[in-house]
mmCIF file of all heavy atoms, coordinates in Angstrom:
data_MODEL
# 
_entry.id   MODEL 
# 
loop_
_atom_site.group_PDB 
_atom_site.id 
_atom_site.type_symbol 
_atom_site.label_atom_id 
_atom_site.label_alt_id 
_atom_site.label_comp_id 
_atom_site.label_asym_id 
_atom_site.label_entity_id 
_atom_site.label_seq_id 
_atom_site.pdbx_PDB_ins_code 
_atom_site.Cartn_x 
_atom_site.Cartn_y 
_atom_site.Cartn_z 
_atom_site.occupancy 
_atom_site.B_iso_or_equiv 
_atom_site.pdbx_formal_charge 
_atom_site.auth_seq_id 
_atom_site.auth_comp_id 
_atom_site.auth_asym_id 
_atom_site.auth_atom_id 
_atom_site.pdbx_PDB_model_num 
ATOM 1   N N   . ASP A 1 1  ? 0.925  -1.256 0.053  1.00 0.00 ? 1  ASP A N   1 
ATOM 2   C CA  . ASP A 1 1  ? -0.009 0.012  -0.041 1.00 0.00 ? 1  ASP A CA  1 
ATOM 3   C C   . ASP A 1 1  ? 0.827  1.183  -0.013 1.00 0.00 ? 1  ASP A C   1 
ATOM 4   O O   . ASP A 1 1  ? 1.473  1.637  0.937  1.00 0.00 ? 1  ASP A O   1 
ATOM 5   C CB  . ASP A 1 1  ? -0.938 -0.003 1.218  1.00 0.00 ? 1  ASP A CB  1 
ATOM 6   C CG  . ASP A 1 1  ? -1.785 1.224  1.283  1.00 0.00 ? 1  ASP A CG  1 
ATOM 7   O OD1 . ASP A 1 1  ? -1.789 1.972  0.361  1.00 0.00 ? 1  ASP A OD1 1 
ATOM 8   O OD2 . ASP A 1 1  ? -2.528 1.323  2.298  1.00 0.00 ? 1  ASP A OD2 1 
ATOM 9   N N   . PRO A 1 2  ? 0.997  1.963  -1.082 1.00 0.00 ? 2  PRO A N   1 
ATOM 10  C CA  . PRO A 1 2  ? 1.847  3.175  -1.180 1.00 0.00 ? 2  PRO A CA  1 
ATOM 11  C C   . PRO A 1 2  ? 1.375  4.399  -0.246 1.00 0.00 ? 2  PRO A C   1 
ATOM 12  O O   . PRO A 1 2  ? 2.234  5.193  0.077  1.00 0.00 ? 2  PRO A O   1 
ATOM 13  C CB  . PRO A 1 2  ? 1.752  3.677  -2.671 1.00 0.00 ? 2  PRO A CB  1 
ATOM 14  C CG  . PRO A 1 2  ? 0.495  3.020  -3.080 1.00 0.00 ? 2  PRO A CG  1 
ATOM 15  C CD  . PRO A 1 2  ? 0.239  1.758  -2.444 1.00 0.00 ? 2  PRO A CD  1 
ATOM 16  N N   . ASP A 1 3  ? 0.055  4.258  0.236  1.00 0.00 ? 3  ASP A N   1 
ATOM 17  C CA  . ASP A 1 3  ? -0.542 5.254  1.090  1.00 0.00 ? 3  ASP A CA  1 
ATOM 18  C C   . ASP A 1 3  ? -0.198 4.982  2.642  1.00 0.00 ? 3  ASP A C   1 
ATOM 19  O O   . ASP A 1 3  ? -0.653 5.755  3.422  1.00 0.00 ? 3  ASP A O   1 
ATOM 20  C CB  . ASP A 1 3  ? -1.840 5.448  0.776  1.00 0.00 ? 3  ASP A CB  1 
ATOM 21  C CG  . ASP A 1 3  ? -2.235 5.998  -0.577 1.00 0.00 ? 3  ASP A CG  1 
ATOM 22  O OD1 . ASP A 1 3  ? -1.454 6.694  -1.075 1.00 0.00 ? 3  ASP A OD1 1 
ATOM 23  O OD2 . ASP A 1 3  ? -3.268 5.682  -1.050 1.00 0.00 ? 3  ASP A OD2 1 
ATOM 24  N N   . SER A 1 4  ? 0.422  3.827  2.850  1.00 0.00 ? 4  SER A N   1 
ATOM 25  C CA  . SER A 1 4  ? 0.654  3.394  4.257  1.00 0.00 ? 4  SER A CA  1 
ATOM 26  C C   . SER A 1 4  ? 1.962  4.015  4.790  1.00 0.00 ? 4  SER A C   1 
ATOM 27  O O   . SER A 1 4  ? 2.289  3.553  6.049  1.00 0.00 ? 4  SER A O   1 
ATOM 28  C CB  . SER A 1 4  ? 0.637  1.951  4.260  1.00 0.00 ? 4  SER A CB  1 
ATOM 29  O OG  . SER A 1 4  ? 1.742  1.429  3.620  1.00 0.00 ? 4  SER A OG  1 
ATOM 30  N N   . GLU A 1 5  ? 2.688  4.842  4.148  1.00 0.00 ? 5  GLU A N   1 
ATOM 31  C CA  . GLU A 1 5  ? 3.906  5.353  4.586  1.00 0.00 ? 5  GLU A CA  1 
ATOM 32  C C   . GLU A 1 5  ? 3.960  6.072  5.930  1.00 0.00 ? 5  GLU A C   1 
ATOM 33  O O   . GLU A 1 5  ? 3.039  6.861  6.262  1.00 0.00 ? 5  GLU A O   1 
ATOM 34  C CB  . GLU A 1 5  ? 4.521  6.237  3.538  1.00 0.00 ? 5  GLU A CB  1 
ATOM 35  C CG  . GLU A 1 5  ? 5.866  6.669  3.958  1.00 0.00 ? 5  GLU A CG  1 
ATOM 36  C CD  . GLU A 1 5  ? 6.667  7.619  3.011  1.00 0.00 ? 5  GLU A CD  1 
ATOM 37  O OE1 . GLU A 1 5  ? 5.942  8.007  2.004  1.00 0.00 ? 5  GLU A OE1 1 
ATOM 38  O OE2 . GLU A 1 5  ? 7.955  7.844  3.032  1.00 0.00 ? 5  GLU A OE2 1 
ATOM 39  N N   . ARG A 1 6  ? 4.750  5.659  6.898  1.00 0.00 ? 6  ARG A N   1 
ATOM 40  C CA  . ARG A 1 6  ? 4.912  6.376  8.057  1.00 0.00 ? 6  ARG A CA  1 
ATOM 41  C C   . ARG A 1 6  ? 6.492  6.699  8.292  1.00 0.00 ? 6  ARG A C   1 
ATOM 42  O O   . ARG A 1 6  ? 7.251  5.721  8.470  1.00 0.00 ? 6  ARG A O   1 
ATOM 43  C CB  . ARG A 1 6  ? 4.429  5.442  9.217  1.00 0.00 ? 6  ARG A CB  1 
ATOM 44  C CG  . ARG A 1 6  ? 4.526  6.156  10.736 1.00 0.00 ? 6  ARG A CG  1 
ATOM 45  C CD  . ARG A 1 6  ? 3.894  5.339  11.674 1.00 0.00 ? 6  ARG A CD  1 
ATOM 46  N NE  . ARG A 1 6  ? 4.621  4.066  12.053 1.00 0.00 ? 6  ARG A NE  1 
ATOM 47  C CZ  . ARG A 1 6  ? 5.398  3.918  13.043 1.00 0.00 ? 6  ARG A CZ  1 
ATOM 48  N NH1 . ARG A 1 6  ? 5.729  5.090  13.799 1.00 0.00 ? 6  ARG A NH1 1 
ATOM 49  N NH2 . ARG A 1 6  ? 6.084  2.834  13.252 1.00 0.00 ? 6  ARG A NH2 1 
ATOM 50  N N   . VAL A 1 7  ? 6.808  7.937  8.065  1.00 0.00 ? 7  VAL A N   1 
ATOM 51  C CA  . VAL A 1 7  ? 8.250  8.358  8.140  1.00 0.00 ? 7  VAL A CA  1 
ATOM 52  C C   . VAL A 1 7  ? 8.849  8.253  9.549  1.00 0.00 ? 7  VAL A C   1 
ATOM 53  O O   . VAL A 1 7  ? 8.198  8.620  10.538 1.00 0.00 ? 7  VAL A O   1 
ATOM 54  C CB  . VAL A 1 7  ? 8.367  9.863  7.673  1.00 0.00 ? 7  VAL A CB  1 
ATOM 55  C CG1 . VAL A 1 7  ? 9.779  10.178 7.849  1.00 0.00 ? 7  VAL A CG1 1 
ATOM 56  C CG2 . VAL A 1 7  ? 7.872  9.915  6.258  1.00 0.00 ? 7  VAL A CG2 1 
ATOM 57  N N   . LEU A 1 8  ? 9.840  7.511  9.682  1.00 0.00 ? 8  LEU A N   1 
ATOM 58  C CA  . LEU A 1 8  ? 10.472 7.248  10.947 1.00 0.00 ? 8  LEU A CA  1 
ATOM 59  C C   . LEU A 1 8  ? 11.713 8.184  11.293 1.00 0.00 ? 8  LEU A C   1 
ATOM 60  O O   . LEU A 1 8  ? 11.874 8.825  12.296 1.00 0.00 ? 8  LEU A O   1 
ATOM 61  C CB  . LEU A 1 8  ? 10.985 5.904  11.177 1.00 0.00 ? 8  LEU A CB  1 
ATOM 62  C CG  . LEU A 1 8  ? 9.958  4.818  11.019 1.00 0.00 ? 8  LEU A CG  1 
ATOM 63  C CD1 . LEU A 1 8  ? 10.540 3.383  11.153 1.00 0.00 ? 8  LEU A CD1 1 
ATOM 64  C CD2 . LEU A 1 8  ? 8.774  4.929  12.178 1.00 0.00 ? 8  LEU A CD2 1 
ATOM 65  N N   . MET A 1 9  ? 12.528 8.323  10.299 1.00 0.00 ? 9  MET A N   1 
ATOM 66  C CA  . MET A 1 9  ? 13.813 9.049  10.519 1.00 0.00 ? 9  MET A CA  1 
ATOM 67  C C   . MET A 1 9  ? 14.142 9.872  9.183  1.00 0.00 ? 9  MET A C   1 
ATOM 68  O O   . MET A 1 9  ? 13.769 9.478  8.043  1.00 0.00 ? 9  MET A O   1 
ATOM 69  C CB  . MET A 1 9  ? 15.039 8.100  10.750 1.00 0.00 ? 9  MET A CB  1 
ATOM 70  C CG  . MET A 1 9  ? 14.791 7.225  11.879 1.00 0.00 ? 9  MET A CG  1 
ATOM 71  S SD  . MET A 1 9  ? 16.341 6.154  12.143 1.00 0.00 ? 9  MET A SD  1 
ATOM 72  C CE  . MET A 1 9  ? 17.420 7.393  13.053 1.00 0.00 ? 9  MET A CE  1 
ATOM 73  N N   . GLU A 1 10 ? 14.581 11.050 9.376  1.00 0.00 ? 10 GLU A N   1 
ATOM 74  C CA  . GLU A 1 10 ? 15.045 11.962 8.314  1.00 0.00 ? 10 GLU A CA  1 
ATOM 75  C C   . GLU A 1 10 ? 16.515 12.360 8.674  1.00 0.00 ? 10 GLU A C   1 
ATOM 76  O O   . GLU A 1 10 ? 16.788 12.930 9.675  1.00 0.00 ? 10 GLU A O   1 
ATOM 77  C CB  . GLU A 1 10 ? 14.229 13.120 8.144  1.00 0.00 ? 10 GLU A CB  1 
ATOM 78  C CG  . GLU A 1 10 ? 12.744 12.728 7.522  1.00 0.00 ? 10 GLU A CG  1 
ATOM 79  C CD  . GLU A 1 10 ? 11.919 13.940 7.305  1.00 0.00 ? 10 GLU A CD  1 
ATOM 80  O OE1 . GLU A 1 10 ? 12.197 15.102 7.739  1.00 0.00 ? 10 GLU A OE1 1 
ATOM 81  O OE2 . GLU A 1 10 ? 10.921 13.836 6.493  1.00 0.00 ? 10 GLU A OE2 1 
ATOM 82  N N   . PHE A 1 11 ? 17.322 12.294 7.610  1.00 0.00 ? 11 PHE A N   1 
ATOM 83  C CA  . PHE A 1 11 ? 18.773 12.687 7.758  1.00 0.00 ? 11 PHE A CA  1 
ATOM 84  C C   . PHE A 1 11 ? 18.989 13.837 6.678  1.00 0.00 ? 11 PHE A C   1 
ATOM 85  O O   . PHE A 1 11 ? 18.908 13.628 5.462  1.00 0.00 ? 11 PHE A O   1 
ATOM 86  C CB  . PHE A 1 11 ? 19.683 11.619 7.464  1.00 0.00 ? 11 PHE A CB  1 
ATOM 87  C CG  . PHE A 1 11 ? 19.561 10.302 8.293  1.00 0.00 ? 11 PHE A CG  1 
ATOM 88  C CD1 . PHE A 1 11 ? 18.562 9.439  8.099  1.00 0.00 ? 11 PHE A CD1 1 
ATOM 89  C CD2 . PHE A 1 11 ? 20.312 10.171 9.407  1.00 0.00 ? 11 PHE A CD2 1 
ATOM 90  C CE1 . PHE A 1 11 ? 18.459 8.293  8.846  1.00 0.00 ? 11 PHE A CE1 1 
ATOM 91  C CE2 . PHE A 1 11 ? 20.142 8.990  10.292 1.00 0.00 ? 11 PHE A CE2 1 
ATOM 92  C CZ  . PHE A 1 11 ? 19.135 8.065  10.058 1.00 0.00 ? 11 PHE A CZ  1 
ATOM 93  N N   . GLN A 1 12 ? 19.195 14.999 7.195  1.00 0.00 ? 12 GLN A N   1 
ATOM 94  C CA  . GLN A 1 12 ? 19.453 16.080 6.273  1.00 0.00 ? 12 GLN A CA  1 
ATOM 95  C C   . GLN A 1 12 ? 20.802 15.951 5.767  1.00 0.00 ? 12 GLN A C   1 
ATOM 96  O O   . GLN A 1 12 ? 21.749 15.857 6.569  1.00 0.00 ? 12 GLN A O   1 
ATOM 97  C CB  . GLN A 1 12 ? 19.302 17.509 6.963  1.00 0.00 ? 12 GLN A CB  1 
ATOM 98  C CG  . GLN A 1 12 ? 17.886 17.703 7.457  1.00 0.00 ? 12 GLN A CG  1 
ATOM 99  C CD  . GLN A 1 12 ? 16.841 17.892 6.376  1.00 0.00 ? 12 GLN A CD  1 
ATOM 100 O OE1 . GLN A 1 12 ? 17.284 18.274 5.276  1.00 0.00 ? 12 GLN A OE1 1 
ATOM 101 N NE2 . GLN A 1 12 ? 15.537 17.744 6.749  1.00 0.00 ? 12 GLN A NE2 1 
ATOM 102 N N   . LYS A 1 13 ? 21.038 15.958 4.335  1.00 0.00 ? 13 LYS A N   1 
ATOM 103 C CA  . LYS A 1 13 ? 22.309 15.706 3.753  1.00 0.00 ? 13 LYS A CA  1 
ATOM 104 C C   . LYS A 1 13 ? 22.815 16.923 3.013  1.00 0.00 ? 13 LYS A C   1 
ATOM 105 O O   . LYS A 1 13 ? 22.260 17.521 2.174  1.00 0.00 ? 13 LYS A O   1 
ATOM 106 C CB  . LYS A 1 13 ? 22.138 14.488 2.847  1.00 0.00 ? 13 LYS A CB  1 
ATOM 107 C CG  . LYS A 1 13 ? 21.870 13.073 3.374  1.00 0.00 ? 13 LYS A CG  1 
ATOM 108 C CD  . LYS A 1 13 ? 22.956 12.706 4.369  1.00 0.00 ? 13 LYS A CD  1 
ATOM 109 C CE  . LYS A 1 13 ? 24.326 12.571 3.653  1.00 0.00 ? 13 LYS A CE  1 
ATOM 110 N NZ  . LYS A 1 13 ? 24.305 11.562 2.566  1.00 0.00 ? 13 LYS A NZ  1 
ATOM 111 N N   . PRO A 1 14 ? 24.138 17.252 3.384  1.00 0.00 ? 14 PRO A N   1 
ATOM 112 C CA  . PRO A 1 14 ? 24.677 18.507 2.814  1.00 0.00 ? 14 PRO A CA  1 
ATOM 113 C C   . PRO A 1 14 ? 25.259 18.102 1.347  1.00 0.00 ? 14 PRO A C   1 
ATOM 114 O O   . PRO A 1 14 ? 25.064 19.166 0.481  1.00 0.00 ? 14 PRO A O   1 
ATOM 115 C CB  . PRO A 1 14 ? 25.778 18.869 3.690  1.00 0.00 ? 14 PRO A CB  1 
ATOM 116 C CG  . PRO A 1 14 ? 26.113 17.581 4.337  1.00 0.00 ? 14 PRO A CG  1 
ATOM 117 C CD  . PRO A 1 14 ? 24.777 16.878 4.560  1.00 0.00 ? 14 PRO A CD  1 
ATOM 118 N N   . GLN A 1 15 ? 25.658 16.978 1.114  1.00 0.00 ? 15 GLN A N   1 
ATOM 119 C CA  . GLN A 1 15 ? 26.255 16.596 -0.280 1.00 0.00 ? 15 GLN A CA  1 
ATOM 120 C C   . GLN A 1 15 ? 25.381 15.528 -0.793 1.00 0.00 ? 15 GLN A C   1 
ATOM 121 O O   . GLN A 1 15 ? 24.636 14.716 -0.051 1.00 0.00 ? 15 GLN A O   1 
ATOM 122 C CB  . GLN A 1 15 ? 27.557 16.332 -0.271 1.00 0.00 ? 15 GLN A CB  1 
ATOM 123 C CG  . GLN A 1 15 ? 28.557 17.504 -0.198 1.00 0.00 ? 15 GLN A CG  1 
ATOM 124 C CD  . GLN A 1 15 ? 28.749 17.980 1.156  1.00 0.00 ? 15 GLN A CD  1 
ATOM 125 O OE1 . GLN A 1 15 ? 29.033 17.243 2.117  1.00 0.00 ? 15 GLN A OE1 1 
ATOM 126 N NE2 . GLN A 1 15 ? 28.640 19.297 1.471  1.00 0.00 ? 15 GLN A NE2 1 
ATOM 127 N N   . TYR A 1 16 ? 25.384 15.173 -2.091 1.00 0.00 ? 16 TYR A N   1 
ATOM 128 C CA  . TYR A 1 16 ? 24.718 14.056 -2.625 1.00 0.00 ? 16 TYR A CA  1 
ATOM 129 C C   . TYR A 1 16 ? 25.063 12.733 -2.342 1.00 0.00 ? 16 TYR A C   1 
ATOM 130 O O   . TYR A 1 16 ? 24.390 11.710 -2.515 1.00 0.00 ? 16 TYR A O   1 
ATOM 131 C CB  . TYR A 1 16 ? 24.597 14.208 -4.200 1.00 0.00 ? 16 TYR A CB  1 
ATOM 132 C CG  . TYR A 1 16 ? 25.739 13.747 -4.920 1.00 0.00 ? 16 TYR A CG  1 
ATOM 133 C CD1 . TYR A 1 16 ? 25.843 12.450 -5.496 1.00 0.00 ? 16 TYR A CD1 1 
ATOM 134 C CD2 . TYR A 1 16 ? 26.969 14.430 -4.893 1.00 0.00 ? 16 TYR A CD2 1 
ATOM 135 C CE1 . TYR A 1 16 ? 26.871 11.858 -6.164 1.00 0.00 ? 16 TYR A CE1 1 
ATOM 136 C CE2 . TYR A 1 16 ? 28.088 13.883 -5.623 1.00 0.00 ? 16 TYR A CE2 1 
ATOM 137 C CZ  . TYR A 1 16 ? 28.067 12.653 -6.146 1.00 0.00 ? 16 TYR A CZ  1 
ATOM 138 O OH  . TYR A 1 16 ? 29.197 12.093 -6.867 1.00 0.00 ? 16 TYR A OH  1 
ATOM 139 N N   . ASN A 1 17 ? 26.264 12.542 -1.927 1.00 0.00 ? 17 ASN A N   1 
ATOM 140 C CA  . ASN A 1 17 ? 26.885 11.116 -1.844 1.00 0.00 ? 17 ASN A CA  1 
ATOM 141 C C   . ASN A 1 17 ? 26.942 10.759 -0.230 1.00 0.00 ? 17 ASN A C   1 
ATOM 142 O O   . ASN A 1 17 ? 26.629 11.451 0.582  1.00 0.00 ? 17 ASN A O   1 
ATOM 143 C CB  . ASN A 1 17 ? 28.195 11.115 -2.502 1.00 0.00 ? 17 ASN A CB  1 
ATOM 144 C CG  . ASN A 1 17 ? 29.240 12.061 -1.968 1.00 0.00 ? 17 ASN A CG  1 
ATOM 145 O OD1 . ASN A 1 17 ? 28.983 12.888 -1.324 1.00 0.00 ? 17 ASN A OD1 1 
ATOM 146 N ND2 . ASN A 1 17 ? 30.442 11.919 -2.508 1.00 0.00 ? 17 ASN A ND2 1 
ATOM 147 N N   . HIS A 1 18 ? 27.543 9.582  -0.078 1.00 0.00 ? 18 HIS A N   1 
ATOM 148 C CA  . HIS A 1 18 ? 27.773 8.973  1.210  1.00 0.00 ? 18 HIS A CA  1 
ATOM 149 C C   . HIS A 1 18 ? 26.370 8.747  1.857  1.00 0.00 ? 18 HIS A C   1 
ATOM 150 O O   . HIS A 1 18 ? 26.184 9.348  3.099  1.00 0.00 ? 18 HIS A O   1 
ATOM 151 C CB  . HIS A 1 18 ? 28.703 9.765  2.200  1.00 0.00 ? 18 HIS A CB  1 
ATOM 152 C CG  . HIS A 1 18 ? 30.052 9.872  1.605  1.00 0.00 ? 18 HIS A CG  1 
ATOM 153 N ND1 . HIS A 1 18 ? 31.101 10.506 2.370  1.00 0.00 ? 18 HIS A ND1 1 
ATOM 154 C CD2 . HIS A 1 18 ? 30.697 9.528  0.439  1.00 0.00 ? 18 HIS A CD2 1 
ATOM 155 C CE1 . HIS A 1 18 ? 32.191 10.411 1.600  1.00 0.00 ? 18 HIS A CE1 1 
ATOM 156 N NE2 . HIS A 1 18 ? 31.931 9.799  0.466  1.00 0.00 ? 18 HIS A NE2 1 
ATOM 157 N N   . ASP A 1 19 ? 25.481 8.193  1.194  1.00 0.00 ? 19 ASP A N   1 
ATOM 158 C CA  . ASP A 1 19 ? 24.137 7.957  1.675  1.00 0.00 ? 19 ASP A CA  1 
ATOM 159 C C   . ASP A 1 19 ? 23.910 6.601  2.440  1.00 0.00 ? 19 ASP A C   1 
ATOM 160 O O   . ASP A 1 19 ? 22.695 6.445  2.862  1.00 0.00 ? 19 ASP A O   1 
ATOM 161 C CB  . ASP A 1 19 ? 23.145 8.176  0.571  1.00 0.00 ? 19 ASP A CB  1 
ATOM 162 C CG  . ASP A 1 19 ? 23.225 9.474  -0.184 1.00 0.00 ? 19 ASP A CG  1 
ATOM 163 O OD1 . ASP A 1 19 ? 23.430 10.551 0.626  1.00 0.00 ? 19 ASP A OD1 1 
ATOM 164 O OD2 . ASP A 1 19 ? 23.190 9.523  -1.362 1.00 0.00 ? 19 ASP A OD2 1 
ATOM 165 N N   . ALA A 1 20 ? 24.851 5.737  2.476  1.00 0.00 ? 20 ALA A N   1 
ATOM 166 C CA  . ALA A 1 20 ? 24.717 4.405  3.050  1.00 0.00 ? 20 ALA A CA  1 
ATOM 167 C C   . ALA A 1 20 ? 23.694 3.665  2.074  1.00 0.00 ? 20 ALA A C   1 
ATOM 168 O O   . ALA A 1 20 ? 23.393 4.144  1.028  1.00 0.00 ? 20 ALA A O   1 
ATOM 169 C CB  . ALA A 1 20 ? 24.375 4.376  4.409  1.00 0.00 ? 20 ALA A CB  1 
ATOM 170 N N   . GLY A 1 21 ? 23.138 2.652  2.656  1.00 0.00 ? 21 GLY A N   1 
ATOM 171 C CA  . GLY A 1 21 ? 22.246 1.807  1.838  1.00 0.00 ? 21 GLY A CA  1 
ATOM 172 C C   . GLY A 1 21 ? 21.389 0.936  2.623  1.00 0.00 ? 21 GLY A C   1 
ATOM 173 O O   . GLY A 1 21 ? 20.443 1.473  3.421  1.00 0.00 ? 21 GLY A O   1 
ATOM 174 N N   . PRO A 1 22 ? 21.518 -0.444 2.537  1.00 0.00 ? 22 PRO A N   1 
ATOM 175 C CA  . PRO A 1 22 ? 20.627 -1.362 3.320  1.00 0.00 ? 22 PRO A CA  1 
ATOM 176 C C   . PRO A 1 22 ? 20.715 -1.135 4.790  1.00 0.00 ? 22 PRO A C   1 
ATOM 177 O O   . PRO A 1 22 ? 21.376 -0.540 5.320  1.00 0.00 ? 22 PRO A O   1 
ATOM 178 C CB  . PRO A 1 22 ? 21.255 -2.749 2.998  1.00 0.00 ? 22 PRO A CB  1 
ATOM 179 C CG  . PRO A 1 22 ? 21.919 -2.493 1.678  1.00 0.00 ? 22 PRO A CG  1 
ATOM 180 C CD  . PRO A 1 22 ? 22.512 -1.094 1.783  1.00 0.00 ? 22 PRO A CD  1 
ATOM 181 N N   . MET A 1 23 ? 19.523 -1.564 5.407  1.00 0.00 ? 23 MET A N   1 
ATOM 182 C CA  . MET A 1 23 ? 19.267 -1.707 6.987  1.00 0.00 ? 23 MET A CA  1 
ATOM 183 C C   . MET A 1 23 ? 19.295 -3.163 7.265  1.00 0.00 ? 23 MET A C   1 
ATOM 184 O O   . MET A 1 23 ? 19.328 -4.091 6.495  1.00 0.00 ? 23 MET A O   1 
ATOM 185 C CB  . MET A 1 23 ? 18.144 -0.934 7.308  1.00 0.00 ? 23 MET A CB  1 
ATOM 186 C CG  . MET A 1 23 ? 17.974 0.561  6.717  1.00 0.00 ? 23 MET A CG  1 
ATOM 187 S SD  . MET A 1 23 ? 16.280 1.051  6.939  1.00 0.00 ? 23 MET A SD  1 
ATOM 188 C CE  . MET A 1 23 ? 15.469 0.099  5.691  1.00 0.00 ? 23 MET A CE  1 
ATOM 189 N N   . ALA A 1 24 ? 19.219 -3.469 8.539  1.00 0.00 ? 24 ALA A N   1 
ATOM 190 C CA  . ALA A 1 24 ? 19.115 -4.781 8.999  1.00 0.00 ? 24 ALA A CA  1 
ATOM 191 C C   . ALA A 1 24 ? 18.499 -4.903 10.402 1.00 0.00 ? 24 ALA A C   1 
ATOM 192 O O   . ALA A 1 24 ? 18.765 -3.985 11.187 1.00 0.00 ? 24 ALA A O   1 
ATOM 193 C CB  . ALA A 1 24 ? 20.583 -5.375 9.080  1.00 0.00 ? 24 ALA A CB  1 
ATOM 194 N N   . PHE A 1 25 ? 17.576 -5.890 10.523 1.00 0.00 ? 25 PHE A N   1 
ATOM 195 C CA  . PHE A 1 25 ? 17.093 -6.115 11.832 1.00 0.00 ? 25 PHE A CA  1 
ATOM 196 C C   . PHE A 1 25 ? 17.968 -7.220 12.456 1.00 0.00 ? 25 PHE A C   1 
ATOM 197 O O   . PHE A 1 25 ? 18.560 -8.027 11.998 1.00 0.00 ? 25 PHE A O   1 
ATOM 198 C CB  . PHE A 1 25 ? 15.729 -6.769 11.675 1.00 0.00 ? 25 PHE A CB  1 
ATOM 199 C CG  . PHE A 1 25 ? 14.519 -5.939 11.716 1.00 0.00 ? 25 PHE A CG  1 
ATOM 200 C CD1 . PHE A 1 25 ? 13.845 -5.514 10.551 1.00 0.00 ? 25 PHE A CD1 1 
ATOM 201 C CD2 . PHE A 1 25 ? 14.059 -5.397 12.948 1.00 0.00 ? 25 PHE A CD2 1 
ATOM 202 C CE1 . PHE A 1 25 ? 12.929 -4.790 10.523 1.00 0.00 ? 25 PHE A CE1 1 
ATOM 203 C CE2 . PHE A 1 25 ? 13.073 -4.370 12.869 1.00 0.00 ? 25 PHE A CE2 1 
ATOM 204 C CZ  . PHE A 1 25 ? 12.403 -4.033 11.643 1.00 0.00 ? 25 PHE A CZ  1 
ATOM 205 N N   . GLY A 1 26 ? 18.389 -6.789 13.805 1.00 0.00 ? 26 GLY A N   1 
ATOM 206 C CA  . GLY A 1 26 ? 19.157 -7.762 14.562 1.00 0.00 ? 26 GLY A CA  1 
ATOM 207 C C   . GLY A 1 26 ? 18.516 -8.853 15.204 1.00 0.00 ? 26 GLY A C   1 
ATOM 208 O O   . GLY A 1 26 ? 17.199 -8.828 15.267 1.00 0.00 ? 26 GLY A O   1 
# 
């Protein structure tokens, strides 16, 4: 459901790169 989005975290980025990638549940 594309309308089910709930934003958890936002990281303001000064440059376009070094954005990391995947996450993981421990």
